[in-house]
Amino acid sequence: MLLDKEGIKKIIPQREPFLMIDEVEEYTPGESAIAYKHVNESEYYFKGHFPGNPIMPGVLIVEALAQTGAVAILSMEENKGKNALFGGIDKLRLKKQVVPGDKLKLEVKIIKRKGPIGIGEAIATINRKSSSQRRINLCSCLKNETKGTVFICLIKQVEFCRKKQKQKQQKMTKNDK
């Protein structure tokens, strides 16, 4: 183990109960990170998801992957003291249930960075079987920036996605005619 929870807290701002990674096996600043989440029965979300049949919510698996990506981005010298905000998901697939006792392996590779936007490919596995695969978009912002600045960053990403969707719909409509 390269980083325990205390080491992780020196890089990313999340804290319990929303710190979703327990250890980092390896990371290369600005490039990649591999982390683990030890899923146990005492997790707060199992009380309601689902009583008698505890399953880790998919959105929290996504958050764990985003936090793993944040370790890679925020460990860069120029990003120390910043926050990484989740910007979007492309092609998410949840293939297996994550239950108490599982050790969730979280791998993120940063494939593109432009300004404050970083895009990473991520996969979560349990015992070498894929639980979730996705592409994540991260925005990094200074802690002192206003909420408006962060919001603009996220809206640009959403508008880009909507524009692509609209182009696909128009193309499909032309092909149908």
Protein backbone atom coordinates (compact mmCIF):
# COMPACT_ATOMS: atom_id res chain seq x y z
CA MET A 1 0.00 0.00 0.00
CA LEU A 2 1.39 3.35 -1.08
CA LEU A 3 -1.23 5.58 0.62
CA ASP A 4 -3.59 4.85 3.49
CA LYS A 5 -6.66 6.99 4.27
CA GLU A 6 -4.56 9.68 5.95
CA GLY A 7 -2.27 9.88 2.92
CA ILE A 8 -5.29 10.07 0.61
CA LYS A 9 -6.73 12.94 2.69
CA LYS A 10 -3.53 14.92 2.06
CA ILE A 11 -4.33 14.83 -1.68
CA ILE A 12 -8.14 14.94 -2.04
CA PRO A 13 -10.63 16.94 0.05
CA GLN A 14 -13.30 14.25 0.65
CA ARG A 15 -13.83 13.06 4.24
CA GLU A 16 -15.91 10.39 5.95
CA PRO A 17 -18.60 9.39 5.37
CA PHE A 18 -18.03 10.40 1.74
CA LEU A 19 -14.40 9.31 1.34
CA MET A 20 -14.97 6.31 -0.94
CA ILE A 21 -11.41 4.96 -1.25
CA ASP A 22 -9.50 3.21 1.53
CA GLU A 23 -6.03 2.81 0.06
CA VAL A 24 -4.02 3.70 -3.03
CA GLU A 25 -1.75 0.97 -4.40
CA GLU A 26 0.00 3.18 -6.93
CA TYR A 27 -0.35 6.51 -8.69
CA THR A 28 1.51 8.60 -11.21
CA PRO A 29 0.66 12.31 -10.89
CA GLY A 30 -1.36 13.49 -13.89
CA GLU A 31 -1.46 10.03 -15.45
CA SER A 32 -3.09 7.26 -13.43
CA ALA A 33 -4.08 5.80 -10.07
CA ILE A 34 -5.08 2.42 -8.65
CA ALA A 35 -7.07 2.43 -5.41
CA TYR A 36 -9.21 0.06 -3.34
CA LYS A 37 -12.49 0.27 -1.48
CA HIS A 38 -13.02 -2.39 1.20
CA VAL A 39 -16.79 -2.81 1.23
CA ASN A 40 -18.03 -3.81 4.68
CA GLU A 41 -21.42 -4.29 6.35
CA SER A 42 -21.07 -1.15 8.45
CA GLU A 43 -21.21 1.20 5.41
CA TYR A 44 -23.88 3.83 6.09
CA TYR A 45 -25.72 3.28 2.79
CA PHE A 46 -26.47 -0.40 3.42
CA LYS A 47 -29.13 0.51 6.00
CA GLY A 48 -31.39 1.61 3.16
CA HIS A 49 -29.88 0.02 0.03
CA PHE A 50 -31.34 -2.61 0.49
CA PRO A 51 -32.38 -3.94 3.93
CA GLY A 52 -31.74 -7.68 3.93
CA ASN A 53 -29.96 -7.50 0.56
CA PRO A 54 -27.14 -4.93 0.86
CA ILE A 55 -25.79 -3.72 -2.50
CA MET A 56 -23.36 -0.82 -2.97
CA PRO A 57 -25.16 1.86 -5.02
CA GLY A 58 -23.74 2.27 -8.52
CA VAL A 59 -23.46 6.03 -8.05
CA LEU A 60 -21.07 5.43 -5.14
CA ILE A 61 -18.94 3.12 -7.30
CA VAL A 62 -18.79 5.98 -9.80
CA GLU A 63 -17.84 8.38 -6.98
CA ALA A 64 -15.07 6.00 -5.85
CA LEU A 65 -13.71 5.97 -9.41
CA ALA A 66 -13.90 9.78 -9.58
CA GLN A 67 -12.00 10.06 -6.28
CA THR A 68 -9.35 7.69 -7.65
CA GLY A 69 -9.01 9.95 -10.70
CA ALA A 70 -8.81 12.94 -8.37
CA VAL A 71 -5.77 11.35 -6.68
CA ALA A 72 -4.02 11.27 -10.07
CA ILE A 73 -4.95 14.87 -10.97
CA LEU A 74 -4.61 16.54 -7.55
CA SER A 75 -1.25 14.93 -6.80
CA MET A 76 0.29 17.08 -9.55
CA GLU A 77 2.29 19.94 -8.07
CA GLU A 78 0.29 22.62 -9.93
CA ASN A 79 -3.02 21.17 -8.65
CA LYS A 80 -2.19 20.89 -4.94
CA GLY A 81 -4.84 22.63 -2.86
CA LYS A 82 -7.46 22.41 -5.62
CA ASN A 83 -10.70 20.44 -5.81
CA ALA A 84 -11.55 18.00 -8.60
CA LEU A 85 -15.21 18.16 -9.55
CA PHE A 86 -17.05 15.42 -11.35
CA GLY A 87 -18.08 16.61 -14.81
CA GLY A 88 -19.80 13.69 -16.53
CA ILE A 89 -19.93 10.06 -17.58
CA ASP A 90 -19.76 8.40 -20.98
CA LYS A 91 -20.69 4.78 -21.60
CA LEU A 92 -21.22 3.55 -18.04
CA ARG A 93 -21.77 -0.19 -17.62
CA LEU A 94 -22.55 -1.77 -14.25
CA LYS A 95 -22.00 -5.49 -14.67
CA LYS A 96 -21.88 -6.99 -11.17
CA GLN A 97 -23.33 -6.22 -7.77
CA VAL A 98 -20.91 -5.00 -5.12
CA VAL A 99 -21.77 -6.42 -1.69
CA PRO A 100 -20.27 -6.46 1.83
CA GLY A 101 -16.99 -8.36 1.89
CA ASP A 102 -15.96 -7.31 -1.62
CA LYS A 103 -12.66 -5.55 -2.27
CA LEU A 104 -13.33 -3.12 -5.09
CA LYS A 105 -10.29 -2.35 -7.26
CA LEU A 106 -10.51 1.09 -8.87
CA GLU A 107 -8.27 1.94 -11.83
CA VAL A 108 -8.20 5.30 -13.60
CA LYS A 109 -6.01 6.38 -16.48
CA ILE A 110 -6.08 10.06 -17.46
CA ILE A 111 -6.31 10.09 -21.26
CA LYS A 112 -6.72 13.81 -21.95
CA ARG A 113 -6.20 17.12 -20.17
CA LYS A 114 -7.06 20.56 -21.50
CA GLY A 115 -7.06 23.52 -19.16
CA PRO A 116 -9.06 22.65 -16.06
CA ILE A 117 -10.76 19.64 -17.71
CA GLY A 118 -9.36 16.14 -17.44
CA ILE A 119 -10.82 13.00 -19.01
CA GLY A 120 -10.04 9.58 -17.65
CA GLU A 121 -10.89 6.00 -18.48
CA ALA A 122 -11.87 4.01 -15.43
CA ILE A 123 -12.73 0.47 -14.45
CA ALA A 124 -13.84 -1.04 -11.15
CA THR A 125 -13.31 -4.76 -10.64
CA ILE A 126 -14.07 -7.35 -8.00
CA ASN A 127 -11.89 -10.47 -8.03
CA ARG A 128 -10.77 -9.60 -11.58
CA LYS A 129 -14.34 -9.43 -12.94
CA SER A 130 -15.54 -6.09 -14.21
CA SER A 131 -18.07 -4.34 -11.98
CA SER A 132 -18.14 -1.01 -13.79
CA GLN A 133 -16.47 0.58 -16.77
CA ARG A 134 -16.75 4.21 -17.75
CA ARG A 135 -15.12 7.36 -19.00
CA ILE A 136 -15.05 10.17 -16.47
CA ASN A 137 -14.71 13.90 -16.93
CA LEU A 138 -13.12 15.87 -14.12
CA CYS A 139 -12.86 19.62 -13.64
CA SER A 140 -10.19 20.91 -11.28
CA CYS A 141 -10.86 24.25 -9.61
CA LEU A 142 -9.14 26.34 -6.98
CA LYS A 143 -10.69 26.09 -3.52
CA ASN A 144 -11.07 29.88 -3.48
CA GLU A 145 -12.97 30.09 -6.78
CA THR A 146 -16.63 31.06 -6.61
CA LYS A 147 -19.39 28.57 -7.16
CA GLY A 148 -20.24 30.46 -10.35
CA THR A 149 -16.87 29.65 -11.87
CA VAL A 150 -17.23 25.97 -11.06
CA PHE A 151 -20.78 25.98 -12.44
CA ILE A 152 -19.63 27.47 -15.75
CA CYS A 153 -17.02 24.75 -16.07
CA LEU A 154 -19.67 22.05 -15.61
CA ILE A 155 -22.19 23.71 -17.93
CA LYS A 156 -19.63 23.84 -20.74
CA GLN A 157 -19.19 20.09 -20.41
CA VAL A 158 -22.96 19.44 -20.38
CA GLU A 159 -23.53 21.76 -23.36
CA PHE A 160 -20.82 19.91 -25.28
CA CYS A 161 -22.56 16.60 -24.58
CA ARG A 162 -25.97 17.98 -25.59
CA LYS A 163 -24.52 19.40 -28.79
CA LYS A 164 -23.10 15.97 -29.69
CA GLN A 165 -26.46 14.31 -28.92
CA LYS A 166 -28.29 16.84 -31.09
CA GLN A 167 -25.86 16.23 -33.96
CA LYS A 168 -26.43 12.46 -33.69
CA GLN A 169 -30.22 12.93 -33.69
CA GLN A 170 -30.05 15.18 -36.77
CA LYS A 171 -27.86 12.64 -38.56
CA MET A 172 -30.28 9.82 -37.73
CA THR A 173 -33.24 11.90 -38.93
CA LYS A 174 -31.48 12.57 -42.26
CA ASN A 175 -30.74 8.86 -42.68
CA ASP A 176 -34.38 7.95 -42.00
CA LYS A 177 -35.61 10.25 -44.83
